[in-house]
Amino acid sequence: MPSLNSCTFIGRLGKDPEMKYTPSGKPVTGFSLAVDHNRKLESGEWEQDTEWVRVVAWGDLAERSAEHLRKGRLTYVEGRMKTRSWVGHDDGVKHYATEIIANRAFALDRRPEDGTVAAPIEVAERTDLEDLPF
């Protein structure tokens, strides 16, 4: 039976993206997206809940994301959910992280540094599973 692993988010970057390179030289960029959910309480007041989504981009998408996305920018991201695990060097405890492996991302708002309207900057790449280091 077929399955589907697809996620779409719109939110604001919590800080500037961080780009690094794997030992083989492949670029990888990570950033966190603040995604808000508003709900009405029984009292009639509204409550806002913010979920922080960790996003990882690879290759050309990593380079373009690091170049164009900045803290506070309203950003669209689509990709697939991936949970990875590792054993901590210091404590020997197994840790888990759930991330979105992006295959598409672009800014939806104006560039904050100069106030001009920027056309959406789209960066897209499909990553083969063999390229992932985890």
N, C-alpha and C. Protein backbone atom coordinates (compact mmCIF):
# COMPACT_ATOMS: atom_id res chain seq x y z
N MET A 1 0.84 -1.17 0.00
CA MET A 1 0.00 0.00 0.00
C MET A 1 0.89 1.24 0.00
N PRO A 2 0.58 2.24 -0.81
CA PRO A 2 1.39 3.47 -0.85
C PRO A 2 1.26 4.28 0.44
N SER A 3 2.26 5.08 0.69
CA SER A 3 2.23 5.95 1.86
C SER A 3 2.65 7.36 1.43
N LEU A 4 2.49 8.31 2.33
CA LEU A 4 2.80 9.69 2.01
C LEU A 4 3.46 10.35 3.21
N ASN A 5 4.57 11.01 2.98
CA ASN A 5 5.27 11.78 4.01
C ASN A 5 5.51 13.15 3.41
N SER A 6 4.59 14.08 3.64
CA SER A 6 4.65 15.40 3.07
C SER A 6 4.20 16.42 4.09
N CYS A 7 5.00 17.48 4.27
CA CYS A 7 4.69 18.53 5.24
C CYS A 7 4.82 19.89 4.56
N THR A 8 3.94 20.81 4.92
CA THR A 8 3.97 22.17 4.42
C THR A 8 3.81 23.12 5.59
N PHE A 9 4.67 24.14 5.65
CA PHE A 9 4.63 25.11 6.74
C PHE A 9 4.80 26.52 6.20
N ILE A 10 4.18 27.47 6.88
CA ILE A 10 4.45 28.88 6.67
C ILE A 10 4.69 29.46 8.06
N GLY A 11 5.84 30.10 8.22
CA GLY A 11 6.18 30.68 9.51
C GLY A 11 7.32 31.67 9.36
N ARG A 12 7.78 32.16 10.48
CA ARG A 12 8.89 33.13 10.49
C ARG A 12 10.15 32.48 11.03
N LEU A 13 11.28 32.80 10.39
CA LEU A 13 12.56 32.27 10.85
C LEU A 13 12.90 32.86 12.20
N GLY A 14 13.33 32.00 13.14
CA GLY A 14 13.69 32.43 14.48
C GLY A 14 15.08 33.05 14.54
N LYS A 15 15.95 32.66 13.62
CA LYS A 15 17.28 33.23 13.50
C LYS A 15 17.78 32.97 12.09
N ASP A 16 18.88 33.59 11.73
CA ASP A 16 19.44 33.38 10.40
C ASP A 16 19.81 31.91 10.20
N PRO A 17 19.63 31.39 8.98
CA PRO A 17 20.03 30.01 8.69
C PRO A 17 21.53 29.80 8.91
N GLU A 18 21.90 28.59 9.28
CA GLU A 18 23.30 28.23 9.48
C GLU A 18 23.69 27.18 8.45
N MET A 19 24.67 27.52 7.60
CA MET A 19 25.12 26.58 6.58
C MET A 19 26.45 25.96 7.00
N LYS A 20 26.55 24.67 6.80
CA LYS A 20 27.78 23.91 7.06
C LYS A 20 28.01 23.00 5.86
N TYR A 21 29.13 22.29 5.90
CA TYR A 21 29.44 21.33 4.84
C TYR A 21 29.71 19.97 5.47
N THR A 22 29.24 18.92 4.81
CA THR A 22 29.54 17.57 5.25
C THR A 22 31.01 17.28 4.97
N PRO A 23 31.59 16.22 5.55
CA PRO A 23 32.98 15.88 5.24
C PRO A 23 33.24 15.68 3.74
N SER A 24 32.20 15.27 3.00
CA SER A 24 32.37 15.09 1.55
C SER A 24 32.17 16.40 0.77
N GLY A 25 31.86 17.50 1.47
CA GLY A 25 31.75 18.80 0.83
C GLY A 25 30.35 19.22 0.41
N LYS A 26 29.33 18.44 0.77
CA LYS A 26 27.95 18.78 0.41
C LYS A 26 27.40 19.83 1.38
N PRO A 27 26.83 20.95 0.88
CA PRO A 27 26.28 21.97 1.76
C PRO A 27 24.98 21.51 2.43
N VAL A 28 24.85 21.88 3.69
CA VAL A 28 23.63 21.60 4.46
C VAL A 28 23.33 22.83 5.31
N THR A 29 22.08 23.27 5.27
CA THR A 29 21.67 24.45 6.01
C THR A 29 20.51 24.09 6.91
N GLY A 30 20.58 24.57 8.16
CA GLY A 30 19.50 24.36 9.11
C GLY A 30 18.93 25.67 9.58
N PHE A 31 17.63 25.68 9.82
CA PHE A 31 16.98 26.84 10.41
C PHE A 31 15.70 26.41 11.11
N SER A 32 15.24 27.24 12.02
CA SER A 32 14.01 26.97 12.77
C SER A 32 12.93 27.94 12.31
N LEU A 33 11.74 27.40 12.16
CA LEU A 33 10.59 28.15 11.70
C LEU A 33 9.56 28.21 12.82
N ALA A 34 9.13 29.41 13.20
CA ALA A 34 8.09 29.59 14.21
C ALA A 34 6.74 29.59 13.49
N VAL A 35 5.93 28.56 13.78
CA VAL A 35 4.63 28.42 13.13
C VAL A 35 3.56 28.62 14.20
N ASP A 36 2.71 29.63 14.01
CA ASP A 36 1.71 29.97 15.01
C ASP A 36 0.38 29.28 14.73
N HIS A 37 -0.31 28.96 15.81
CA HIS A 37 -1.66 28.41 15.75
C HIS A 37 -2.51 29.20 16.73
N ASN A 38 -3.59 29.80 16.26
CA ASN A 38 -4.48 30.57 17.11
C ASN A 38 -5.75 29.77 17.37
N ARG A 39 -6.20 29.82 18.61
CA ARG A 39 -7.44 29.12 18.95
C ARG A 39 -8.24 29.98 19.92
N LYS A 40 -9.55 29.86 19.80
CA LYS A 40 -10.44 30.63 20.64
C LYS A 40 -10.76 29.84 21.90
N LEU A 41 -10.56 30.46 23.05
CA LEU A 41 -10.85 29.82 24.34
C LEU A 41 -12.33 29.92 24.64
N GLU A 42 -12.79 29.12 25.61
CA GLU A 42 -14.20 29.17 26.01
C GLU A 42 -14.61 30.55 26.49
N SER A 43 -13.67 31.31 27.02
CA SER A 43 -13.93 32.67 27.50
C SER A 43 -14.15 33.65 26.36
N GLY A 44 -13.86 33.22 25.12
CA GLY A 44 -13.99 34.10 23.97
C GLY A 44 -12.69 34.77 23.58
N GLU A 45 -11.67 34.66 24.44
CA GLU A 45 -10.37 35.24 24.12
C GLU A 45 -9.60 34.30 23.20
N TRP A 46 -8.65 34.90 22.50
CA TRP A 46 -7.81 34.12 21.59
C TRP A 46 -6.48 33.80 22.26
N GLU A 47 -6.00 32.60 22.02
CA GLU A 47 -4.70 32.18 22.53
C GLU A 47 -3.83 31.76 21.35
N GLN A 48 -2.58 32.18 21.38
CA GLN A 48 -1.65 31.83 20.32
C GLN A 48 -0.65 30.81 20.84
N ASP A 49 -0.47 29.75 20.09
CA ASP A 49 0.50 28.71 20.42
C ASP A 49 1.52 28.67 19.29
N THR A 50 2.80 28.71 19.65
CA THR A 50 3.86 28.69 18.64
C THR A 50 4.58 27.35 18.69
N GLU A 51 4.67 26.73 17.54
CA GLU A 51 5.41 25.47 17.39
C GLU A 51 6.68 25.78 16.62
N TRP A 52 7.83 25.34 17.14
CA TRP A 52 9.11 25.54 16.46
C TRP A 52 9.43 24.31 15.63
N VAL A 53 9.60 24.52 14.33
CA VAL A 53 9.86 23.43 13.39
C VAL A 53 11.30 23.55 12.90
N ARG A 54 12.07 22.49 13.07
CA ARG A 54 13.46 22.46 12.61
C ARG A 54 13.47 22.01 11.16
N VAL A 55 14.15 22.80 10.30
CA VAL A 55 14.20 22.52 8.87
C VAL A 55 15.65 22.31 8.46
N VAL A 56 15.88 21.33 7.59
CA VAL A 56 17.21 21.04 7.05
C VAL A 56 17.11 21.04 5.53
N ALA A 57 18.01 21.77 4.89
CA ALA A 57 18.06 21.82 3.42
C ALA A 57 19.43 21.36 2.95
N TRP A 58 19.48 20.70 1.81
CA TRP A 58 20.71 20.14 1.27
C TRP A 58 21.03 20.73 -0.10
N GLY A 59 22.30 20.69 -0.48
CA GLY A 59 22.75 21.05 -1.83
C GLY A 59 22.46 22.49 -2.20
N ASP A 60 21.95 22.68 -3.43
CA ASP A 60 21.64 24.02 -3.93
C ASP A 60 20.60 24.70 -3.05
N LEU A 61 19.63 23.95 -2.57
CA LEU A 61 18.62 24.50 -1.68
C LEU A 61 19.26 25.04 -0.40
N ALA A 62 20.25 24.35 0.12
CA ALA A 62 20.97 24.81 1.31
C ALA A 62 21.68 26.13 1.04
N GLU A 63 22.37 26.22 -0.09
CA GLU A 63 23.11 27.43 -0.43
C GLU A 63 22.18 28.62 -0.63
N ARG A 64 21.10 28.43 -1.37
CA ARG A 64 20.17 29.52 -1.65
C ARG A 64 19.41 29.93 -0.40
N SER A 65 19.06 28.98 0.46
CA SER A 65 18.38 29.32 1.72
C SER A 65 19.28 30.17 2.60
N ALA A 66 20.54 29.77 2.72
CA ALA A 66 21.49 30.52 3.55
C ALA A 66 21.71 31.92 2.99
N GLU A 67 21.65 32.06 1.68
CA GLU A 67 21.89 33.35 1.04
C GLU A 67 20.69 34.29 1.17
N HIS A 68 19.48 33.79 1.03
CA HIS A 68 18.30 34.66 0.91
C HIS A 68 17.38 34.72 2.13
N LEU A 69 17.37 33.70 2.96
CA LEU A 69 16.45 33.71 4.10
C LEU A 69 17.13 34.34 5.31
N ARG A 70 16.39 35.11 6.07
CA ARG A 70 16.92 35.79 7.25
C ARG A 70 15.92 35.73 8.39
N LYS A 71 16.43 35.96 9.59
CA LYS A 71 15.61 35.99 10.80
C LYS A 71 14.41 36.92 10.59
N GLY A 72 13.22 36.43 10.97
CA GLY A 72 12.01 37.22 10.89
C GLY A 72 11.26 37.14 9.58
N ARG A 73 11.88 36.61 8.52
CA ARG A 73 11.20 36.54 7.22
C ARG A 73 10.11 35.49 7.23
N LEU A 74 8.97 35.86 6.66
CA LEU A 74 7.87 34.92 6.48
C LEU A 74 8.26 33.97 5.37
N THR A 75 8.28 32.67 5.67
CA THR A 75 8.86 31.69 4.76
C THR A 75 7.94 30.49 4.57
N TYR A 76 7.86 30.02 3.35
CA TYR A 76 7.12 28.82 2.98
C TYR A 76 8.12 27.68 2.86
N VAL A 77 7.80 26.54 3.47
CA VAL A 77 8.67 25.36 3.39
C VAL A 77 7.81 24.14 3.13
N GLU A 78 8.25 23.30 2.21
CA GLU A 78 7.62 21.99 2.07
C GLU A 78 8.71 20.94 2.02
N GLY A 79 8.39 19.77 2.52
CA GLY A 79 9.36 18.69 2.55
C GLY A 79 8.77 17.46 3.19
N ARG A 80 9.65 16.66 3.79
CA ARG A 80 9.21 15.42 4.44
C ARG A 80 9.77 15.37 5.85
N MET A 81 9.06 14.71 6.74
CA MET A 81 9.49 14.60 8.13
C MET A 81 10.47 13.44 8.27
N LYS A 82 11.52 13.68 9.05
CA LYS A 82 12.55 12.66 9.30
C LYS A 82 12.95 12.74 10.77
N THR A 83 12.95 11.61 11.45
CA THR A 83 13.43 11.55 12.83
C THR A 83 14.76 10.81 12.81
N ARG A 84 15.76 11.42 13.41
CA ARG A 84 17.09 10.79 13.49
C ARG A 84 17.45 10.61 14.95
N SER A 85 18.41 9.74 15.18
CA SER A 85 18.86 9.50 16.55
C SER A 85 20.38 9.41 16.59
N TRP A 86 20.94 9.67 17.77
CA TRP A 86 22.37 9.58 17.98
C TRP A 86 22.61 9.38 19.46
N VAL A 87 23.78 8.86 19.78
CA VAL A 87 24.18 8.68 21.17
C VAL A 87 25.11 9.83 21.53
N GLY A 88 24.77 10.53 22.61
CA GLY A 88 25.55 11.69 23.04
C GLY A 88 26.96 11.30 23.45
N HIS A 89 27.94 12.07 23.02
CA HIS A 89 29.34 11.81 23.36
C HIS A 89 29.58 12.00 24.85
N ASP A 90 28.96 12.99 25.45
CA ASP A 90 29.20 13.32 26.85
C ASP A 90 28.44 12.42 27.82
N ASP A 91 27.19 12.12 27.47
CA ASP A 91 26.35 11.40 28.44
C ASP A 91 26.03 9.96 28.07
N GLY A 92 26.33 9.54 26.82
CA GLY A 92 26.05 8.17 26.40
C GLY A 92 24.57 7.87 26.24
N VAL A 93 23.73 8.90 26.29
CA VAL A 93 22.28 8.74 26.18
C VAL A 93 21.85 8.88 24.73
N LYS A 94 20.88 8.06 24.33
CA LYS A 94 20.35 8.16 22.97
C LYS A 94 19.40 9.36 22.89
N HIS A 95 19.65 10.23 21.89
CA HIS A 95 18.84 11.43 21.67
C HIS A 95 18.10 11.30 20.34
N TYR A 96 16.99 12.01 20.23
CA TYR A 96 16.18 12.00 19.01
C TYR A 96 15.89 13.43 18.58
N ALA A 97 15.80 13.64 17.27
CA ALA A 97 15.41 14.93 16.72
C ALA A 97 14.50 14.68 15.52
N THR A 98 13.39 15.37 15.47
CA THR A 98 12.50 15.30 14.32
C THR A 98 12.67 16.59 13.53
N GLU A 99 12.93 16.45 12.23
CA GLU A 99 13.22 17.59 11.37
C GLU A 99 12.43 17.46 10.08
N ILE A 100 12.30 18.57 9.39
CA ILE A 100 11.71 18.58 8.06
C ILE A 100 12.86 18.67 7.07
N ILE A 101 12.98 17.68 6.19
CA ILE A 101 13.97 17.71 5.12
C ILE A 101 13.30 18.45 3.97
N ALA A 102 13.73 19.69 3.76
CA ALA A 102 13.08 20.56 2.77
C ALA A 102 13.41 20.16 1.35
N ASN A 103 12.41 20.23 0.49
CA ASN A 103 12.67 20.09 -0.94
C ASN A 103 12.22 21.34 -1.69
N ARG A 104 11.65 22.29 -0.93
CA ARG A 104 11.24 23.57 -1.51
C ARG A 104 11.12 24.59 -0.38
N ALA A 105 11.59 25.81 -0.63
CA ALA A 105 11.48 26.88 0.37
C ALA A 105 11.59 28.22 -0.34
N PHE A 106 10.80 29.20 0.12
CA PHE A 106 10.94 30.55 -0.40
C PHE A 106 10.33 31.56 0.55
N ALA A 107 10.85 32.77 0.49
CA ALA A 107 10.36 33.87 1.32
C ALA A 107 9.06 34.39 0.73
N LEU A 108 8.14 34.77 1.61
CA LEU A 108 6.85 35.28 1.18
C LEU A 108 6.69 36.78 1.39
N ASP A 109 7.64 37.41 2.05
CA ASP A 109 7.47 38.81 2.41
C ASP A 109 8.55 39.69 1.80
N ARG A 110 8.51 40.95 2.18
CA ARG A 110 9.50 41.92 1.72
C ARG A 110 10.84 41.67 2.40
N ARG A 111 11.88 42.10 1.75
CA ARG A 111 13.20 42.04 2.37
C ARG A 111 13.24 43.09 3.47
N PRO A 112 13.49 42.69 4.70
CA PRO A 112 13.44 43.67 5.79
C PRO A 112 14.55 44.70 5.77
N GLU A 113 15.69 44.42 5.15
CA GLU A 113 16.83 45.34 5.21
C GLU A 113 16.62 46.61 4.40
N ASP A 114 15.86 46.54 3.29
CA ASP A 114 15.68 47.75 2.50
C ASP A 114 14.23 48.12 2.27
N GLY A 115 13.30 47.30 2.69
CA GLY A 115 11.88 47.61 2.58
C GLY A 115 11.29 47.44 1.19
N THR A 116 12.09 47.02 0.21
CA THR A 116 11.56 46.84 -1.13
C THR A 116 10.84 45.51 -1.23
N VAL A 117 9.90 45.45 -2.14
CA VAL A 117 9.18 44.20 -2.35
C VAL A 117 10.06 43.29 -3.21
N ALA A 118 10.32 42.11 -2.69
CA ALA A 118 11.14 41.16 -3.44
C ALA A 118 10.24 40.09 -4.03
N ALA A 119 10.52 39.70 -5.24
CA ALA A 119 9.80 38.57 -5.81
C ALA A 119 10.15 37.35 -4.97
N PRO A 120 9.20 36.42 -4.81
CA PRO A 120 9.53 35.23 -4.02
C PRO A 120 10.78 34.55 -4.56
N ILE A 121 11.67 34.22 -3.66
CA ILE A 121 12.92 33.56 -4.02
C ILE A 121 12.69 32.08 -3.80
N GLU A 122 12.57 31.35 -4.87
CA GLU A 122 12.29 29.94 -4.75
C GLU A 122 13.57 29.15 -4.91
N VAL A 123 13.75 28.23 -4.00
CA VAL A 123 14.90 27.33 -4.07
C VAL A 123 14.35 25.93 -3.96
N ALA A 124 14.69 25.08 -4.88
CA ALA A 124 14.12 23.74 -4.87
C ALA A 124 15.17 22.72 -5.27
N GLU A 125 15.12 21.60 -4.59
CA GLU A 125 15.99 20.49 -4.94
C GLU A 125 15.39 19.23 -4.36
N ARG A 126 15.46 18.17 -5.09
CA ARG A 126 15.06 16.86 -4.58
C ARG A 126 16.35 16.15 -4.17
N THR A 127 16.35 15.55 -3.01
CA THR A 127 17.54 14.87 -2.51
C THR A 127 17.28 13.37 -2.51
N ASP A 128 18.20 12.61 -3.10
CA ASP A 128 18.08 11.17 -3.06
C ASP A 128 18.39 10.67 -1.66
N LEU A 129 17.74 9.60 -1.24
CA LEU A 129 17.94 9.07 0.11
C LEU A 129 19.38 8.65 0.35
N GLU A 130 20.09 8.22 -0.69
CA GLU A 130 21.48 7.80 -0.52
C GLU A 130 22.38 8.97 -0.14
N ASP A 131 21.98 10.22 -0.45
CA ASP A 131 22.79 11.38 -0.13
C ASP A 131 22.73 11.78 1.34
N LEU A 132 21.72 11.30 2.06
CA LEU A 132 21.53 11.71 3.44
C LEU A 132 22.50 10.96 4.35
N PRO A 133 23.17 11.66 5.27
CA PRO A 133 24.16 11.01 6.12
C PRO A 133 23.54 10.29 7.33
N PHE A 134 22.23 10.25 7.41
CA PHE A 134 21.60 9.57 8.55
C PHE A 134 20.45 8.73 8.08
